[in-house]
Amino acid sequence: MKSLRTTTIAGEITTGGTSQQIAERNPRRDLLMLLNPEGEEGHLCYNFGDDAAVGETMSLGPGQWVMFDEKCGVPGESVHVTASDTDHAFVLLLDQRGDIE
């Protein structure tokens, strides 16, 4: 049976308008889910493999999420986020199957 290694990364944008990397590159990911929590007032912008930029990269409105879980369809690049406001919350869920136990 394969084990799962699930990691939850919850944090905040440290400086509004400045991209920050929240996950390293990992081509073995089986799941990637990013959430812009309800209660946030602006968009959470994200990008894979390069800096995120407000108004230029993909974004999620308050309460929205994006999930990649299809075999060969989960981004393995580093994950970058930003928002216009400082202290904007985000939640990232990553999963990777482990070796047979």
PDB file of N, CA and C in Angstrom:
ATOM      1  N   MET A   1       0.835  -1.167   0.000  1.00  0.00           N
ATOM      2  CA  MET A   1       0.000   0.000   0.000  1.00  0.00           C
ATOM      3  C   MET A   1       0.886   1.240   0.000  1.00  0.00           C
ATOM      4  N   LYS A   2       0.503   2.210  -0.801  1.00  0.00           N
ATOM      5  CA  LYS A   2       1.283   3.446  -0.859  1.00  0.00           C
ATOM      6  C   LYS A   2       0.820   4.402   0.220  1.00  0.00           C
ATOM      7  N   SER A   3       1.766   5.064   0.835  1.00  0.00           N
ATOM      8  CA  SER A   3       1.440   6.062   1.850  1.00  0.00           C
ATOM      9  C   SER A   3       1.319   7.424   1.190  1.00  0.00           C
ATOM     10  N   LEU A   4       0.664   8.339   1.875  1.00  0.00           N
ATOM     11  CA  LEU A   4       0.515   9.703   1.380  1.00  0.00           C
ATOM     12  C   LEU A   4       1.287  10.644   2.292  1.00  0.00           C
ATOM     13  N   ARG A   5       1.925  11.605   1.696  1.00  0.00           N
ATOM     14  CA  ARG A   5       2.633  12.639   2.457  1.00  0.00           C
ATOM     15  C   ARG A   5       1.955  13.964   2.153  1.00  0.00           C
ATOM     16  N   THR A   6       1.043  14.348   3.021  1.00  0.00           N
ATOM     17  CA  THR A   6       0.283  15.575   2.818  1.00  0.00           C
ATOM     18  C   THR A   6       0.900  16.697   3.638  1.00  0.00           C
ATOM     19  N   THR A   7       1.064  17.836   2.996  1.00  0.00           N
ATOM     20  CA  THR A   7       1.617  19.014   3.654  1.00  0.00           C
ATOM     21  C   THR A   7       0.650  20.175   3.479  1.00  0.00           C
ATOM     22  N   THR A   8       0.336  20.854   4.573  1.00  0.00           N
ATOM     23  CA  THR A   8      -0.490  22.053   4.514  1.00  0.00           C
ATOM     24  C   THR A   8       0.391  23.251   4.856  1.00  0.00           C
ATOM     25  N   ILE A   9       0.365  24.239   3.981  1.00  0.00           N
ATOM     26  CA  ILE A   9       1.134  25.467   4.190  1.00  0.00           C
ATOM     27  C   ILE A   9       0.130  26.609   4.285  1.00  0.00           C
ATOM     28  N   ALA A  10      -0.053  27.129   5.473  1.00  0.00           N
ATOM     29  CA  ALA A  10      -0.951  28.259   5.688  1.00  0.00           C
ATOM     30  C   ALA A  10      -0.098  29.454   6.090  1.00  0.00           C
ATOM     31  N   GLY A  11      -0.337  30.570   5.445  1.00  0.00           N
ATOM     32  CA  GLY A  11       0.464  31.738   5.757  1.00  0.00           C
ATOM     33  C   GLY A  11      -0.196  33.013   5.293  1.00  0.00           C
ATOM     34  N   GLU A  12       0.609  34.061   5.265  1.00  0.00           N
ATOM     35  CA  GLU A  12       0.134  35.383   4.854  1.00  0.00           C
ATOM     36  C   GLU A  12       1.162  36.032   3.947  1.00  0.00           C
ATOM     37  N   ILE A  13       0.699  36.895   3.092  1.00  0.00           N
ATOM     38  CA  ILE A  13       1.587  37.690   2.246  1.00  0.00           C
ATOM     39  C   ILE A  13       2.353  38.641   3.159  1.00  0.00           C
ATOM     40  N   THR A  14       3.671  38.595   3.096  1.00  0.00           N
ATOM     41  CA  THR A  14       4.475  39.429   3.997  1.00  0.00           C
ATOM     42  C   THR A  14       4.563  40.875   3.532  1.00  0.00           C
ATOM     43  N   THR A  15       4.581  41.100   2.221  1.00  0.00           N
ATOM     44  CA  THR A  15       4.619  42.456   1.673  1.00  0.00           C
ATOM     45  C   THR A  15       3.703  42.505   0.463  1.00  0.00           C
ATOM     46  N   GLY A  16       2.644  43.293   0.538  1.00  0.00           N
ATOM     47  CA  GLY A  16       1.704  43.404  -0.570  1.00  0.00           C
ATOM     48  C   GLY A  16       2.394  43.776  -1.876  1.00  0.00           C
ATOM     49  N   GLY A  17       2.006  43.081  -2.950  1.00  0.00           N
ATOM     50  CA  GLY A  17       2.554  43.357  -4.272  1.00  0.00           C
ATOM     51  C   GLY A  17       3.890  42.701  -4.554  1.00  0.00           C
ATOM     52  N   THR A  18       4.439  41.975  -3.580  1.00  0.00           N
ATOM     53  CA  THR A  18       5.727  41.309  -3.757  1.00  0.00           C
ATOM     54  C   THR A  18       5.512  39.801  -3.760  1.00  0.00           C
ATOM     55  N   SER A  19       5.992  39.139  -4.796  1.00  0.00           N
ATOM     56  CA  SER A  19       5.846  37.695  -4.907  1.00  0.00           C
ATOM     57  C   SER A  19       6.670  36.979  -3.853  1.00  0.00           C
ATOM     58  N   GLN A  20       6.106  35.901  -3.327  1.00  0.00           N
ATOM     59  CA  GLN A  20       6.872  35.067  -2.411  1.00  0.00           C
ATOM     60  C   GLN A  20       6.668  33.597  -2.786  1.00  0.00           C
ATOM     61  N   GLN A  21       7.743  32.858  -2.714  1.00  0.00           N
ATOM     62  CA  GLN A  21       7.694  31.430  -3.013  1.00  0.00           C
ATOM     63  C   GLN A  21       7.211  30.702  -1.764  1.00  0.00           C
ATOM     64  N   ILE A  22       6.161  29.867  -1.925  1.00  0.00           N
ATOM     65  CA  ILE A  22       5.616  29.153  -0.768  1.00  0.00           C
ATOM     66  C   ILE A  22       5.836  27.646  -0.853  1.00  0.00           C
ATOM     67  N   ALA A  23       6.331  27.150  -1.988  1.00  0.00           N
ATOM     68  CA  ALA A  23       6.654  25.725  -2.118  1.00  0.00           C
ATOM     69  C   ALA A  23       7.756  25.546  -3.144  1.00  0.00           C
ATOM     70  N   GLU A  24       8.670  24.669  -2.817  1.00  0.00           N
ATOM     71  CA  GLU A  24       9.772  24.336  -3.719  1.00  0.00           C
ATOM     72  C   GLU A  24       9.273  23.506  -4.902  1.00  0.00           C
ATOM     73  N   ARG A  25      10.068  23.414  -5.932  1.00  0.00           N
ATOM     74  CA  ARG A  25       9.789  22.560  -7.084  1.00  0.00           C
ATOM     75  C   ARG A  25       9.768  21.105  -6.614  1.00  0.00           C
ATOM     76  N   ASN A  26       8.782  20.348  -7.078  1.00  0.00           N
ATOM     77  CA  ASN A  26       8.689  18.924  -6.764  1.00  0.00           C
ATOM     78  C   ASN A  26       7.901  18.234  -7.878  1.00  0.00           C
ATOM     79  N   PRO A  27       8.594  17.634  -8.834  1.00  0.00           N
ATOM     80  CA  PRO A  27       7.905  17.003  -9.962  1.00  0.00           C
ATOM     81  C   PRO A  27       7.137  15.731  -9.598  1.00  0.00           C
ATOM     82  N   ARG A  28       7.212  15.276  -8.344  1.00  0.00           N
ATOM     83  CA  ARG A  28       6.511  14.056  -7.919  1.00  0.00           C
ATOM     84  C   ARG A  28       5.185  14.337  -7.214  1.00  0.00           C
ATOM     85  N   ARG A  29       4.691  15.552  -7.253  1.00  0.00           N
ATOM     86  CA  ARG A  29       3.420  15.880  -6.587  1.00  0.00           C
ATOM     87  C   ARG A  29       2.255  15.111  -7.217  1.00  0.00           C
ATOM     88  N   ASP A  30       1.309  14.726  -6.360  1.00  0.00           N
ATOM     89  CA  ASP A  30       0.087  14.080  -6.815  1.00  0.00           C
ATOM     90  C   ASP A  30      -1.146  14.966  -6.604  1.00  0.00           C
ATOM     91  N   LEU A  31      -0.990  16.026  -5.835  1.00  0.00           N
ATOM     92  CA  LEU A  31      -2.091  16.940  -5.554  1.00  0.00           C
ATOM     93  C   LEU A  31      -1.527  18.308  -5.220  1.00  0.00           C
ATOM     94  N   LEU A  32      -2.163  19.341  -5.734  1.00  0.00           N
ATOM     95  CA  LEU A  32      -1.842  20.716  -5.368  1.00  0.00           C
ATOM     96  C   LEU A  32      -3.173  21.455  -5.302  1.00  0.00           C
ATOM     97  N   MET A  33      -3.455  22.053  -4.147  1.00  0.00           N
ATOM     98  CA  MET A  33      -4.688  22.830  -3.969  1.00  0.00           C
ATOM     99  C   MET A  33      -4.332  24.141  -3.285  1.00  0.00           C
ATOM    100  N   LEU A  34      -4.755  25.247  -3.887  1.00  0.00           N
ATOM    101  CA  LEU A  34      -4.480  26.578  -3.354  1.00  0.00           C
ATOM    102  C   LEU A  34      -5.802  27.272  -3.069  1.00  0.00           C
ATOM    103  N   LEU A  35      -5.918  27.869  -1.882  1.00  0.00           N
ATOM    104  CA  LEU A  35      -7.146  28.515  -1.436  1.00  0.00           C
ATOM    105  C   LEU A  35      -6.899  29.960  -1.054  1.00  0.00           C
ATOM    106  N   ASN A  36      -7.793  30.842  -1.526  1.00  0.00           N
ATOM    107  CA  ASN A  36      -7.866  32.221  -1.048  1.00  0.00           C
ATOM    108  C   ASN A  36      -9.040  32.240  -0.070  1.00  0.00           C
ATOM    109  N   PRO A  37      -8.782  32.251   1.232  1.00  0.00           N
ATOM    110  CA  PRO A  37      -9.848  32.083   2.219  1.00  0.00           C
ATOM    111  C   PRO A  37     -10.959  33.136   2.132  1.00  0.00           C
ATOM    112  N   GLU A  38     -12.162  32.695   2.506  1.00  0.00           N
ATOM    113  CA  GLU A  38     -13.274  33.640   2.617  1.00  0.00           C
ATOM    114  C   GLU A  38     -12.902  34.671   3.671  1.00  0.00           C
ATOM    115  N   GLY A  39     -13.362  35.869   3.497  1.00  0.00           N
ATOM    116  CA  GLY A  39     -13.046  36.937   4.440  1.00  0.00           C
ATOM    117  C   GLY A  39     -11.920  37.833   3.949  1.00  0.00           C
ATOM    118  N   GLU A  40     -11.125  37.335   3.009  1.00  0.00           N
ATOM    119  CA  GLU A  40     -10.093  38.192   2.410  1.00  0.00           C
ATOM    120  C   GLU A  40     -10.785  39.141   1.441  1.00  0.00           C
ATOM    121  N   GLU A  41     -10.248  40.336   1.282  1.00  0.00           N
ATOM    122  CA  GLU A  41     -10.923  41.343   0.472  1.00  0.00           C
ATOM    123  C   GLU A  41     -10.453  41.407  -0.970  1.00  0.00           C
ATOM    124  N   GLY A  42      -9.291  40.886  -1.265  1.00  0.00           N
ATOM    125  CA  GLY A  42      -8.788  40.988  -2.625  1.00  0.00           C
ATOM    126  C   GLY A  42      -8.437  39.638  -3.214  1.00  0.00           C
ATOM    127  N   HIS A  43      -7.893  39.701  -4.417  1.00  0.00           N
ATOM    128  CA  HIS A  43      -7.481  38.498  -5.117  1.00  0.00           C
ATOM    129  C   HIS A  43      -6.123  38.006  -4.624  1.00  0.00           C
ATOM    130  N   LEU A  44      -5.957  36.697  -4.631  1.00  0.00           N
ATOM    131  CA  LEU A  44      -4.678  36.050  -4.379  1.00  0.00           C
ATOM    132  C   LEU A  44      -4.142  35.639  -5.740  1.00  0.00           C
ATOM    133  N   CYS A  45      -3.019  36.189  -6.116  1.00  0.00           N
ATOM    134  CA  CYS A  45      -2.414  35.887  -7.423  1.00  0.00           C
ATOM    135  C   CYS A  45      -1.376  34.790  -7.239  1.00  0.00           C
ATOM    136  N   TYR A  46      -1.284  33.901  -8.231  1.00  0.00           N
ATOM    137  CA  TYR A  46      -0.348  32.791  -8.114  1.00  0.00           C
ATOM    138  C   TYR A  46       0.286  32.462  -9.461  1.00  0.00           C
ATOM    139  N   ASN A  47       1.424  31.775  -9.380  1.00  0.00           N
ATOM    140  CA  ASN A  47       2.137  31.357 -10.577  1.00  0.00           C
ATOM    141  C   ASN A  47       2.997  30.145 -10.220  1.00  0.00           C
ATOM    142  N   PHE A  48       3.336  29.375 -11.220  1.00  0.00           N
ATOM    143  CA  PHE A  48       4.186  28.205 -11.030  1.00  0.00           C
ATOM    144  C   PHE A  48       5.512  28.415 -11.734  1.00  0.00           C
ATOM    145  N   GLY A  49       6.608  28.250 -11.006  1.00  0.00           N
ATOM    146  CA  GLY A  49       7.935  28.336 -11.596  1.00  0.00           C
ATOM    147  C   GLY A  49       8.494  29.728 -11.763  1.00  0.00           C
ATOM    148  N   ASP A  50       7.704  30.760 -11.498  1.00  0.00           N
ATOM    149  CA  ASP A  50       8.160  32.137 -11.651  1.00  0.00           C
ATOM    150  C   ASP A  50       7.330  33.025 -10.728  1.00  0.00           C
ATOM    151  N   ASP A  51       7.766  34.258 -10.541  1.00  0.00           N
ATOM    152  CA  ASP A  51       7.072  35.179  -9.643  1.00  0.00           C
ATOM    153  C   ASP A  51       5.609  35.374 -10.027  1.00  0.00           C
ATOM    154  N   ALA A  52       4.768  35.554  -9.019  1.00  0.00           N
ATOM    155  CA  ALA A  52       3.374  35.939  -9.213  1.00  0.00           C
ATOM    156  C   ALA A  52       3.314  37.463  -9.216  1.00  0.00           C
ATOM    157  N   ALA A  53       2.383  38.017  -9.992  1.00  0.00           N
ATOM    158  CA  ALA A  53       2.262  39.470 -10.083  1.00  0.00           C
ATOM    159  C   ALA A  53       0.788  39.858 -10.088  1.00  0.00           C
ATOM    160  N   VAL A  54       0.442  40.853  -9.291  1.00  0.00           N
ATOM    161  CA  VAL A  54      -0.932  41.343  -9.219  1.00  0.00           C
ATOM    162  C   VAL A  54      -1.360  41.843 -10.593  1.00  0.00           C
ATOM    163  N   GLY A  55      -2.494  41.333 -11.070  1.00  0.00           N
ATOM    164  CA  GLY A  55      -3.048  41.758 -12.352  1.00  0.00           C
ATOM    165  C   GLY A  55      -2.378  41.147 -13.569  1.00  0.00           C
ATOM    166  N   GLU A  56      -1.360  40.314 -13.373  1.00  0.00           N
ATOM    167  CA  GLU A  56      -0.646  39.744 -14.522  1.00  0.00           C
ATOM    168  C   GLU A  56      -0.642  38.222 -14.549  1.00  0.00           C
ATOM    169  N   THR A  57      -0.807  37.582 -13.395  1.00  0.00           N
ATOM    170  CA  THR A  57      -0.804  36.123 -13.353  1.00  0.00           C
ATOM    171  C   THR A  57      -2.176  35.628 -12.902  1.00  0.00           C
ATOM    172  N   MET A  58      -2.356  34.330 -12.838  1.00  0.00           N
ATOM    173  CA  MET A  58      -3.633  33.740 -12.445  1.00  0.00           C
ATOM    174  C   MET A  58      -4.016  34.220 -11.049  1.00  0.00           C
ATOM    175  N   SER A  59      -5.330  34.294 -10.771  1.00  0.00           N
ATOM    176  CA  SER A  59      -5.750  34.791  -9.461  1.00  0.00           C
ATOM    177  C   SER A  59      -7.030  34.100  -9.001  1.00  0.00           C
ATOM    178  N   LEU A  60      -7.230  34.144  -7.691  1.00  0.00           N
ATOM    179  CA  LEU A  60      -8.412  33.583  -7.042  1.00  0.00           C
ATOM    180  C   LEU A  60      -9.094  34.676  -6.238  1.00  0.00           C
ATOM    181  N   GLY A  61     -10.408  34.799  -6.373  1.00  0.00           N
ATOM    182  CA  GLY A  61     -11.170  35.734  -5.559  1.00  0.00           C
ATOM    183  C   GLY A  61     -11.385  35.156  -4.160  1.00  0.00           C
ATOM    184  N   PRO A  62     -11.880  35.956  -3.231  1.00  0.00           N
ATOM    185  CA  PRO A  62     -12.133  35.478  -1.876  1.00  0.00           C
ATOM    186  C   PRO A  62     -13.032  34.240  -1.873  1.00  0.00           C
ATOM    187  N   GLY A  63     -12.609  33.211  -1.148  1.00  0.00           N
ATOM    188  CA  GLY A  63     -13.361  31.971  -1.062  1.00  0.00           C
ATOM    189  C   GLY A  63     -13.141  31.009  -2.214  1.00  0.00           C
ATOM    190  N   GLN A  64     -12.385  31.400  -3.211  1.00  0.00           N
ATOM    191  CA  GLN A  64     -12.134  30.521  -4.353  1.00  0.00           C
ATOM    192  C   GLN A  64     -10.897  29.668  -4.132  1.00  0.00           C
ATOM    193  N   TRP A  65     -10.855  28.536  -4.830  1.00  0.00           N
ATOM    194  CA  TRP A  65      -9.707  27.643  -4.753  1.00  0.00           C
ATOM    195  C   TRP A  65      -9.480  27.006  -6.114  1.00  0.00           C
ATOM    196  N   VAL A  66      -8.276  26.512  -6.305  1.00  0.00           N
ATOM    197  CA  VAL A  66      -7.929  25.785  -7.517  1.00  0.00           C
ATOM    198  C   VAL A  66      -7.262  24.484  -7.069  1.00  0.00           C
ATOM    199  N   MET A  67      -7.599  23.392  -7.772  1.00  0.00           N
ATOM    200  CA  MET A  67      -7.034  22.101  -7.399  1.00  0.00           C
ATOM    201  C   MET A  67      -6.560  21.370  -8.652  1.00  0.00           C
ATOM    202  N   PHE A  68      -5.367  20.803  -8.542  1.00  0.00           N
ATOM    203  CA  PHE A  68      -4.799  19.961  -9.588  1.00  0.00           C
ATOM    204  C   PHE A  68      -4.588  18.585  -8.968  1.00  0.00           C
ATOM    205  N   ASP A  69      -5.256  17.571  -9.541  1.00  0.00           N
ATOM    206  CA  ASP A  69      -5.112  16.229  -8.987  1.00  0.00           C
ATOM    207  C   ASP A  69      -5.120  15.130 -10.040  1.00  0.00           C
ATOM    208  N   GLU A  70      -5.095  15.493 -11.297  1.00  0.00           N
ATOM    209  CA  GLU A  70      -5.070  14.511 -12.376  1.00  0.00           C
ATOM    210  C   GLU A  70      -3.650  14.034 -12.631  1.00  0.00           C
ATOM    211  N   LYS A  71      -3.487  12.737 -12.825  1.00  0.00           N
ATOM    212  CA  LYS A  71      -2.169  12.173 -13.095  1.00  0.00           C
ATOM    213  C   LYS A  71      -1.528  12.927 -14.261  1.00  0.00           C
ATOM    214  N   CYS A  72      -0.316  13.326 -14.101  1.00  0.00           N
ATOM    215  CA  CYS A  72       0.465  14.084 -15.089  1.00  0.00           C
ATOM    216  C   CYS A  72      -0.045  15.510 -15.289  1.00  0.00           C
ATOM    217  N   GLY A  73      -1.000  15.960 -14.484  1.00  0.00           N
ATOM    218  CA  GLY A  73      -1.527  17.309 -14.629  1.00  0.00           C
ATOM    219  C   GLY A  73      -1.279  18.195 -13.416  1.00  0.00           C
ATOM    220  N   VAL A  74      -0.503  17.691 -12.458  1.00  0.00           N
ATOM    221  CA  VAL A  74      -0.226  18.457 -11.244  1.00  0.00           C
ATOM    222  C   VAL A  74       1.072  19.234 -11.447  1.00  0.00           C
ATOM    223  N   PRO A  75       1.034  20.560 -11.338  1.00  0.00           N
ATOM    224  CA  PRO A  75       2.257  21.341 -11.531  1.00  0.00           C
ATOM    225  C   PRO A  75       3.358  20.922 -10.553  1.00  0.00           C
ATOM    226  N   GLY A  76       4.532  20.666 -11.078  1.00  0.00           N
ATOM    227  CA  GLY A  76       5.666  20.280 -10.249  1.00  0.00           C
ATOM    228  C   GLY A  76       6.634  21.422 -10.008  1.00  0.00           C
ATOM    229  N   GLU A  77       6.350  22.569 -10.576  1.00  0.00           N
ATOM    230  CA  GLU A  77       7.226  23.732 -10.413  1.00  0.00           C
ATOM    231  C   GLU A  77       7.014  24.367  -9.037  1.00  0.00           C
ATOM    232  N   SER A  78       7.892  25.279  -8.670  1.00  0.00           N
ATOM    233  CA  SER A  78       7.726  26.016  -7.421  1.00  0.00           C
ATOM    234  C   SER A  78       6.425  26.818  -7.476  1.00  0.00           C
ATOM    235  N   VAL A  79       5.868  27.100  -6.300  1.00  0.00           N
ATOM    236  CA  VAL A  79       4.595  27.828  -6.202  1.00  0.00           C
ATOM    237  C   VAL A  79       4.873  29.208  -5.617  1.00  0.00           C
ATOM    238  N   HIS A  80       4.384  30.245  -6.314  1.00  0.00           N
ATOM    239  CA  HIS A  80       4.589  31.635  -5.906  1.00  0.00           C
ATOM    240  C   HIS A  80       3.232  32.316  -5.766  1.00  0.00           C
ATOM    241  N   VAL A  81       3.093  33.165  -4.741  1.00  0.00           N
ATOM    242  CA  VAL A  81       1.842  33.902  -4.521  1.00  0.00           C
ATOM    243  C   VAL A  81       2.135  35.363  -4.192  1.00  0.00           C
ATOM    244  N   THR A  82       1.118  36.195  -4.406  1.00  0.00           N
ATOM    245  CA  THR A  82       1.158  37.588  -3.975  1.00  0.00           C
ATOM    246  C   THR A  82      -0.276  38.111  -3.914  1.00  0.00           C
ATOM    247  N   ALA A  83      -0.438  39.251  -3.307  1.00  0.00           N
ATOM    248  CA  ALA A  83      -1.719  39.959  -3.244  1.00  0.00           C
ATOM    249  C   ALA A  83      -1.404  41.442  -3.094  1.00  0.00           C
ATOM    250  N   SER A  84      -2.402  42.273  -3.328  1.00  0.00           N
ATOM    251  CA  SER A  84      -2.186  43.719  -3.202  1.00  0.00           C
ATOM    252  C   SER A  84      -1.941  44.135  -1.764  1.00  0.00           C
ATOM    253  N   ASP A  85      -2.534  43.390  -0.837  1.00  0.00           N
ATOM    254  CA  ASP A  85      -2.455  43.781   0.570  1.00  0.00           C
ATOM    255  C   ASP A  85      -1.513  42.881   1.379  1.00  0.00           C
ATOM    256  N   THR A  86      -0.822  43.491   2.316  1.00  0.00           N
ATOM    257  CA  THR A  86       0.014  42.764   3.261  1.00  0.00           C
ATOM    258  C   THR A  86      -0.902  42.000   4.218  1.00  0.00           C
ATOM    259  N   ASP A  87      -0.453  40.871   4.723  1.00  0.00           N
ATOM    260  CA  ASP A  87      -1.193  40.012   5.649  1.00  0.00           C
ATOM    261  C   ASP A  87      -2.376  39.294   5.003  1.00  0.00           C
ATOM    262  N   HIS A  88      -2.417  39.230   3.686  1.00  0.00           N
ATOM    263  CA  HIS A  88      -3.453  38.482   2.967  1.00  0.00           C
ATOM    264  C   HIS A  88      -3.183  36.992   3.181  1.00  0.00           C
ATOM    265  N   ALA A  89      -4.162  36.251   3.683  1.00  0.00           N
ATOM    266  CA  ALA A  89      -3.982  34.834   4.008  1.00  0.00           C
ATOM    267  C   ALA A  89      -4.054  33.949   2.765  1.00  0.00           C
ATOM    268  N   PHE A  90      -3.407  32.793   2.847  1.00  0.00           N
ATOM    269  CA  PHE A  90      -3.494  31.761   1.814  1.00  0.00           C
ATOM    270  C   PHE A  90      -3.331  30.406   2.479  1.00  0.00           C
ATOM    271  N   VAL A  91      -3.817  29.362   1.800  1.00  0.00           N
ATOM    272  CA  VAL A  91      -3.622  27.989   2.266  1.00  0.00           C
ATOM    273  C   VAL A  91      -3.255  27.150   1.047  1.00  0.00           C
ATOM    274  N   LEU A  92      -2.169  26.400   1.163  1.00  0.00           N
ATOM    275  CA  LEU A  92      -1.705  25.521   0.099  1.00  0.00           C
ATOM    276  C   LEU A  92      -1.654  24.102   0.647  1.00  0.00           C
ATOM    277  N   LEU A  93      -2.263  23.168  -0.069  1.00  0.00           N
ATOM    278  CA  LEU A  93      -2.232  21.758   0.303  1.00  0.00           C
ATOM    279  C   LEU A  93      -1.476  21.002  -0.787  1.00  0.00           C
ATOM    280  N   LEU A  94      -0.450  20.266  -0.382  1.00  0.00           N
ATOM    281  CA  LEU A  94       0.361  19.472  -1.302  1.00  0.00           C
ATOM    282  C   LEU A  94       0.321  18.021  -0.857  1.00  0.00           C
ATOM    283  N   ASP A  95       0.333  17.109  -1.814  1.00  0.00           N
ATOM    284  CA  ASP A  95       0.317  15.691  -1.484  1.00  0.00           C
ATOM    285  C   ASP A  95       1.235  14.945  -2.436  1.00  0.00           C
ATOM    286  N   GLN A  96       1.891  13.944  -1.897  1.00  0.00           N
ATOM    287  CA  GLN A  96       2.776  13.125  -2.709  1.00  0.00           C
ATOM    288  C   GLN A  96       2.701  11.702  -2.189  1.00  0.00           C
ATOM    289  N   ARG A  97       2.522  10.764  -3.096  1.00  0.00           N
ATOM    290  CA  ARG A  97       2.512   9.355  -2.703  1.00  0.00           C
ATOM    291  C   ARG A  97       3.923   8.921  -2.345  1.00  0.00           C
ATOM    292  N   GLY A  98       4.009   8.153  -1.292  1.00  0.00           N
ATOM    293  CA  GLY A  98       5.304   7.638  -0.846  1.00  0.00           C
ATOM    294  C   GLY A  98       5.555   6.238  -1.393  1.00  0.00           C
ATOM    295  N   ASP A  99       6.572   5.605  -0.887  1.00  0.00           N
ATOM    296  CA  ASP A  99       6.910   4.252  -1.295  1.00  0.00           C
ATOM    297  C   ASP A  99       5.920   3.250  -0.724  1.00  0.00           C
ATOM    298  N   ILE A 100       5.937   2.075  -1.268  1.00  0.00           N
ATOM    299  CA  ILE A 100       5.080   0.995  -0.790  1.00  0.00           C
ATOM    300  C   ILE A 100       5.535   0.611   0.616  1.00  0.00           C
ATOM    301  N   GLU A 101       4.553   0.476   1.499  1.00  0.00           N
ATOM    302  CA  GLU A 101       4.869   0.113   2.888  1.00  0.00           C
ATOM    303  C   GLU A 101       4.527  -1.334   3.140  1.00  0.00           C
TER     304      GLU A 101
END
